[in-house]
Amino acid sequence: EALHSIIRAVPQPVIAKVRGFAIGG
C-alpha cells in the first residue's frame, strides 16, 4: 500500500523502464 502510494504521491513523473518480465506485482 505504501509503495503504490509513494509512486503516485511523488510530484515527478515516474517512468517504468521495462526489460524482460513485468509479471504479478
PDB file of all heavy atoms in Angstrom:
ATOM      1  N   GLU A   1       0.833  -1.204   0.000  1.00  0.00           N
ATOM      2  CA  GLU A   1       0.000   0.000   0.000  1.00  0.00           C
ATOM      3  C   GLU A   1       0.866   1.251   0.000  1.00  0.00           C
ATOM      4  O   GLU A   1       0.636   2.186  -0.779  1.00  0.00           O
ATOM      5  CB  GLU A   1      -0.905   0.025   1.236  1.00  0.00           C
ATOM      6  CG  GLU A   1      -2.013  -1.010   1.231  1.00  0.00           C
ATOM      7  CD  GLU A   1      -2.690  -1.078   2.591  1.00  0.00           C
ATOM      8  OE1 GLU A   1      -2.225  -1.856   3.448  1.00  0.00           O
ATOM      9  OE2 GLU A   1      -3.679  -0.359   2.781  1.00  0.00           O
ATOM     10  N   ALA A   2       1.870   1.264   0.851  1.00  0.00           N
ATOM     11  CA  ALA A   2       2.768   2.422   0.937  1.00  0.00           C
ATOM     12  C   ALA A   2       3.571   2.588  -0.344  1.00  0.00           C
ATOM     13  O   ALA A   2       3.786   3.710  -0.819  1.00  0.00           O
ATOM     14  CB  ALA A   2       3.700   2.267   2.134  1.00  0.00           C
ATOM     15  N   LEU A   3       4.020   1.465  -0.926  1.00  0.00           N
ATOM     16  CA  LEU A   3       4.805   1.539  -2.153  1.00  0.00           C
ATOM     17  C   LEU A   3       3.967   2.067  -3.310  1.00  0.00           C
ATOM     18  O   LEU A   3       4.405   2.939  -4.073  1.00  0.00           O
ATOM     19  CB  LEU A   3       5.371   0.155  -2.483  1.00  0.00           C
ATOM     20  CG  LEU A   3       6.245   0.050  -3.731  1.00  0.00           C
ATOM     21  CD1 LEU A   3       7.405   1.032  -3.693  1.00  0.00           C
ATOM     22  CD2 LEU A   3       6.745  -1.377  -3.901  1.00  0.00           C
ATOM     23  N   HIS A   4       2.761   1.562  -3.455  1.00  0.00           N
ATOM     24  CA  HIS A   4       1.874   2.058  -4.507  1.00  0.00           C
ATOM     25  C   HIS A   4       1.572   3.544  -4.293  1.00  0.00           C
ATOM     26  O   HIS A   4       1.546   4.331  -5.248  1.00  0.00           O
ATOM     27  CB  HIS A   4       0.568   1.267  -4.518  1.00  0.00           C
ATOM     28  CG  HIS A   4       0.742  -0.162  -4.918  1.00  0.00           C
ATOM     29  ND1 HIS A   4      -0.279  -1.098  -4.836  1.00  0.00           N
ATOM     30  CD2 HIS A   4       1.815  -0.839  -5.402  1.00  0.00           C
ATOM     31  CE1 HIS A   4       0.167  -2.268  -5.255  1.00  0.00           C
ATOM     32  NE2 HIS A   4       1.431  -2.145  -5.595  1.00  0.00           N
ATOM     33  N   SER A   5       1.356   3.910  -3.044  1.00  0.00           N
ATOM     34  CA  SER A   5       1.011   5.299  -2.736  1.00  0.00           C
ATOM     35  C   SER A   5       2.156   6.263  -3.044  1.00  0.00           C
ATOM     36  O   SER A   5       1.929   7.361  -3.560  1.00  0.00           O
ATOM     37  CB  SER A   5       0.611   5.438  -1.259  1.00  0.00           C
ATOM     38  OG  SER A   5      -0.596   4.769  -1.011  1.00  0.00           O
ATOM     39  N   ILE A   6       3.403   5.859  -2.755  1.00  0.00           N
ATOM     40  CA  ILE A   6       4.519   6.783  -2.959  1.00  0.00           C
ATOM     41  C   ILE A   6       4.772   7.028  -4.444  1.00  0.00           C
ATOM     42  O   ILE A   6       5.152   8.128  -4.846  1.00  0.00           O
ATOM     43  CB  ILE A   6       5.805   6.286  -2.252  1.00  0.00           C
ATOM     44  CG1 ILE A   6       6.865   7.386  -2.190  1.00  0.00           C
ATOM     45  CG2 ILE A   6       6.378   5.063  -2.910  1.00  0.00           C
ATOM     46  CD1 ILE A   6       6.507   8.565  -1.328  1.00  0.00           C
ATOM     47  N   ILE A   7       4.540   6.014  -5.277  1.00  0.00           N
ATOM     48  CA  ILE A   7       4.696   6.211  -6.722  1.00  0.00           C
ATOM     49  C   ILE A   7       3.713   7.267  -7.206  1.00  0.00           C
ATOM     50  O   ILE A   7       4.039   8.103  -8.055  1.00  0.00           O
ATOM     51  CB  ILE A   7       4.483   4.879  -7.475  1.00  0.00           C
ATOM     52  CG1 ILE A   7       5.644   3.921  -7.181  1.00  0.00           C
ATOM     53  CG2 ILE A   7       4.364   5.105  -8.981  1.00  0.00           C
ATOM     54  CD1 ILE A   7       5.433   2.516  -7.721  1.00  0.00           C
ATOM     55  N   ARG A   8       2.513   7.263  -6.638  1.00  0.00           N
ATOM     56  CA  ARG A   8       1.509   8.263  -7.003  1.00  0.00           C
ATOM     57  C   ARG A   8       1.737   9.600  -6.295  1.00  0.00           C
ATOM     58  O   ARG A   8       1.385  10.654  -6.815  1.00  0.00           O
ATOM     59  CB  ARG A   8       0.112   7.721  -6.673  1.00  0.00           C
ATOM     60  CG  ARG A   8      -0.326   6.611  -7.593  1.00  0.00           C
ATOM     61  CD  ARG A   8      -1.528   5.838  -7.045  1.00  0.00           C
ATOM     62  NE  ARG A   8      -2.705   6.667  -6.804  1.00  0.00           N
ATOM     63  CZ  ARG A   8      -3.618   6.965  -7.721  1.00  0.00           C
ATOM     64  NH1 ARG A   8      -3.473   6.522  -8.974  1.00  0.00           N
ATOM     65  NH2 ARG A   8      -4.678   7.687  -7.413  1.00  0.00           N
ATOM     66  N   ALA A   9       2.332   9.559  -5.106  1.00  0.00           N
ATOM     67  CA  ALA A   9       2.452  10.774  -4.292  1.00  0.00           C
ATOM     68  C   ALA A   9       3.589  11.685  -4.716  1.00  0.00           C
ATOM     69  O   ALA A   9       3.485  12.902  -4.590  1.00  0.00           O
ATOM     70  CB  ALA A   9       2.623  10.400  -2.820  1.00  0.00           C
ATOM     71  N   VAL A  10       4.699  11.106  -5.197  1.00  0.00           N
ATOM     72  CA  VAL A  10       5.816  11.985  -5.570  1.00  0.00           C
ATOM     73  C   VAL A  10       5.363  12.903  -6.702  1.00  0.00           C
ATOM     74  O   VAL A  10       4.619  12.476  -7.596  1.00  0.00           O
ATOM     75  CB  VAL A  10       7.067  11.179  -5.985  1.00  0.00           C
ATOM     76  CG1 VAL A  10       7.656  10.444  -4.792  1.00  0.00           C
ATOM     77  CG2 VAL A  10       6.779  10.214  -7.130  1.00  0.00           C
ATOM     78  N   PRO A  11       5.783  14.175  -6.685  1.00  0.00           N
ATOM     79  CA  PRO A  11       5.286  15.119  -7.677  1.00  0.00           C
ATOM     80  C   PRO A  11       5.853  14.923  -9.076  1.00  0.00           C
ATOM     81  O   PRO A  11       5.279  15.411 -10.055  1.00  0.00           O
ATOM     82  CB  PRO A  11       5.698  16.482  -7.104  1.00  0.00           C
ATOM     83  CG  PRO A  11       6.865  16.188  -6.212  1.00  0.00           C
ATOM     84  CD  PRO A  11       6.610  14.829  -5.644  1.00  0.00           C
ATOM     85  N   GLN A  12       6.970  14.201  -9.188  1.00  0.00           N
ATOM     86  CA  GLN A  12       7.576  13.990 -10.503  1.00  0.00           C
ATOM     87  C   GLN A  12       6.896  12.837 -11.247  1.00  0.00           C
ATOM     88  O   GLN A  12       6.357  11.915 -10.635  1.00  0.00           O
ATOM     89  CB  GLN A  12       9.070  13.646 -10.362  1.00  0.00           C
ATOM     90  CG  GLN A  12       9.903  14.660  -9.626  1.00  0.00           C
ATOM     91  CD  GLN A  12      10.055  14.295  -8.167  1.00  0.00           C
ATOM     92  OE1 GLN A  12       9.166  13.679  -7.559  1.00  0.00           O
ATOM     93  NE2 GLN A  12      11.163  14.682  -7.568  1.00  0.00           N
ATOM     94  N   PRO A  13       6.962  12.862 -12.582  1.00  0.00           N
ATOM     95  CA  PRO A  13       6.544  11.679 -13.333  1.00  0.00           C
ATOM     96  C   PRO A  13       7.475  10.511 -13.017  1.00  0.00           C
ATOM     97  O   PRO A  13       8.683  10.692 -12.850  1.00  0.00           O
ATOM     98  CB  PRO A  13       6.709  12.104 -14.804  1.00  0.00           C
ATOM     99  CG  PRO A  13       6.872  13.578 -14.793  1.00  0.00           C
ATOM    100  CD  PRO A  13       7.435  13.948 -13.464  1.00  0.00           C
ATOM    101  N   VAL A  14       6.907   9.318 -12.912  1.00  0.00           N
ATOM    102  CA  VAL A  14       7.691   8.102 -12.703  1.00  0.00           C
ATOM    103  C   VAL A  14       7.580   7.255 -13.971  1.00  0.00           C
ATOM    104  O   VAL A  14       6.473   6.934 -14.416  1.00  0.00           O
ATOM    105  CB  VAL A  14       7.194   7.305 -11.489  1.00  0.00           C
ATOM    106  CG1 VAL A  14       8.039   6.038 -11.306  1.00  0.00           C
ATOM    107  CG2 VAL A  14       7.237   8.155 -10.227  1.00  0.00           C
ATOM    108  N   ILE A  15       8.730   6.923 -14.549  1.00  0.00           N
ATOM    109  CA  ILE A  15       8.776   6.105 -15.762  1.00  0.00           C
ATOM    110  C   ILE A  15       9.191   4.692 -15.395  1.00  0.00           C
ATOM    111  O   ILE A  15      10.227   4.484 -14.754  1.00  0.00           O
ATOM    112  CB  ILE A  15       9.773   6.670 -16.793  1.00  0.00           C
ATOM    113  CG1 ILE A  15       9.349   8.070 -17.267  1.00  0.00           C
ATOM    114  CG2 ILE A  15       9.899   5.725 -17.991  1.00  0.00           C
ATOM    115  CD1 ILE A  15      10.332   8.706 -18.243  1.00  0.00           C
ATOM    116  N   ALA A  16       8.401   3.710 -15.803  1.00  0.00           N
ATOM    117  CA  ALA A  16       8.810   2.309 -15.685  1.00  0.00           C
ATOM    118  C   ALA A  16       9.616   1.956 -16.930  1.00  0.00           C
ATOM    119  O   ALA A  16       9.106   2.050 -18.055  1.00  0.00           O
ATOM    120  CB  ALA A  16       7.596   1.398 -15.565  1.00  0.00           C
ATOM    121  N   LYS A  17      10.875   1.581 -16.734  1.00  0.00           N
ATOM    122  CA  LYS A  17      11.733   1.124 -17.837  1.00  0.00           C
ATOM    123  C   LYS A  17      11.774  -0.396 -17.760  1.00  0.00           C
ATOM    124  O   LYS A  17      12.377  -0.960 -16.852  1.00  0.00           O
ATOM    125  CB  LYS A  17      13.138   1.723 -17.723  1.00  0.00           C
ATOM    126  CG  LYS A  17      14.064   1.274 -18.832  1.00  0.00           C
ATOM    127  CD  LYS A  17      15.349   2.103 -18.905  1.00  0.00           C
ATOM    128  CE  LYS A  17      16.305   1.768 -17.791  1.00  0.00           C
ATOM    129  NZ  LYS A  17      17.630   2.422 -17.992  1.00  0.00           N
ATOM    130  N   VAL A  18      11.123  -1.051 -18.717  1.00  0.00           N
ATOM    131  CA  VAL A  18      10.851  -2.480 -18.594  1.00  0.00           C
ATOM    132  C   VAL A  18      11.649  -3.309 -19.598  1.00  0.00           C
ATOM    133  O   VAL A  18      11.476  -3.165 -20.810  1.00  0.00           O
ATOM    134  CB  VAL A  18       9.347  -2.773 -18.770  1.00  0.00           C
ATOM    135  CG1 VAL A  18       9.071  -4.262 -18.627  1.00  0.00           C
ATOM    136  CG2 VAL A  18       8.531  -1.975 -17.751  1.00  0.00           C
ATOM    137  N   ARG A  19      12.502  -4.159 -19.047  1.00  0.00           N
ATOM    138  CA  ARG A  19      13.140  -5.231 -19.812  1.00  0.00           C
ATOM    139  C   ARG A  19      12.666  -6.558 -19.220  1.00  0.00           C
ATOM    140  O   ARG A  19      12.538  -6.698 -18.017  1.00  0.00           O
ATOM    141  CB  ARG A  19      14.662  -5.174 -19.674  1.00  0.00           C
ATOM    142  CG  ARG A  19      15.357  -4.154 -20.536  1.00  0.00           C
ATOM    143  CD  ARG A  19      16.866  -4.335 -20.479  1.00  0.00           C
ATOM    144  NE  ARG A  19      17.539  -3.419 -21.363  1.00  0.00           N
ATOM    145  CZ  ARG A  19      17.967  -2.204 -21.002  1.00  0.00           C
ATOM    146  NH1 ARG A  19      17.806  -1.805 -19.747  1.00  0.00           N
ATOM    147  NH2 ARG A  19      18.552  -1.419 -21.878  1.00  0.00           N
ATOM    148  N   GLY A  20      12.428  -7.541 -20.065  1.00  0.00           N
ATOM    149  CA  GLY A  20      12.073  -8.851 -19.552  1.00  0.00           C
ATOM    150  C   GLY A  20      10.702  -8.866 -18.897  1.00  0.00           C
ATOM    151  O   GLY A  20       9.778  -8.166 -19.313  1.00  0.00           O
ATOM    152  N   PHE A  21      10.582  -9.659 -17.844  1.00  0.00           N
ATOM    153  CA  PHE A  21       9.279  -9.913 -17.235  1.00  0.00           C
ATOM    154  C   PHE A  21       8.804  -8.770 -16.338  1.00  0.00           C
ATOM    155  O   PHE A  21       9.517  -8.333 -15.446  1.00  0.00           O
ATOM    156  CB  PHE A  21       9.333 -11.189 -16.391  1.00  0.00           C
ATOM    157  CG  PHE A  21       9.654 -12.434 -17.171  1.00  0.00           C
ATOM    158  CD1 PHE A  21      10.838 -13.123 -16.931  1.00  0.00           C
ATOM    159  CD2 PHE A  21       8.783 -12.911 -18.129  1.00  0.00           C
ATOM    160  CE1 PHE A  21      11.141 -14.282 -17.648  1.00  0.00           C
ATOM    161  CE2 PHE A  21       9.072 -14.062 -18.854  1.00  0.00           C
ATOM    162  CZ  PHE A  21      10.260 -14.745 -18.614  1.00  0.00           C
ATOM    163  N   ALA A  22       7.580  -8.316 -16.589  1.00  0.00           N
ATOM    164  CA  ALA A  22       6.857  -7.445 -15.660  1.00  0.00           C
ATOM    165  C   ALA A  22       5.602  -8.222 -15.292  1.00  0.00           C
ATOM    166  O   ALA A  22       4.540  -8.074 -15.906  1.00  0.00           O
ATOM    167  CB  ALA A  22       6.508  -6.105 -16.302  1.00  0.00           C
ATOM    168  N   ILE A  23       5.754  -9.109 -14.323  1.00  0.00           N
ATOM    169  CA  ILE A  23       4.737 -10.118 -14.024  1.00  0.00           C
ATOM    170  C   ILE A  23       4.260  -9.954 -12.580  1.00  0.00           C
ATOM    171  O   ILE A  23       5.026  -9.579 -11.694  1.00  0.00           O
ATOM    172  CB  ILE A  23       5.320 -11.533 -14.216  1.00  0.00           C
ATOM    173  CG1 ILE A  23       5.814 -11.725 -15.658  1.00  0.00           C
ATOM    174  CG2 ILE A  23       4.303 -12.612 -13.855  1.00  0.00           C
ATOM    175  CD1 ILE A  23       4.736 -11.729 -16.713  1.00  0.00           C
ATOM    176  N   GLY A  24       2.986 -10.255 -12.337  1.00  0.00           N
ATOM    177  CA  GLY A  24       2.450 -10.203 -10.980  1.00  0.00           C
ATOM    178  C   GLY A  24       2.539  -8.800 -10.403  1.00  0.00           C
ATOM    179  O   GLY A  24       2.110  -7.822 -11.019  1.00  0.00           O
ATOM    180  N   GLY A  25       3.128  -8.709  -9.190  1.00  0.00           N
ATOM    181  CA  GLY A  25       3.297  -7.397  -8.566  1.00  0.00           C
ATOM    182  C   GLY A  25       4.174  -6.468  -9.375  1.00  0.00           C
ATOM    183  O   GLY A  25       4.065  -5.241  -9.266  1.00  0.00           O
TER     184      GLY A  25
END
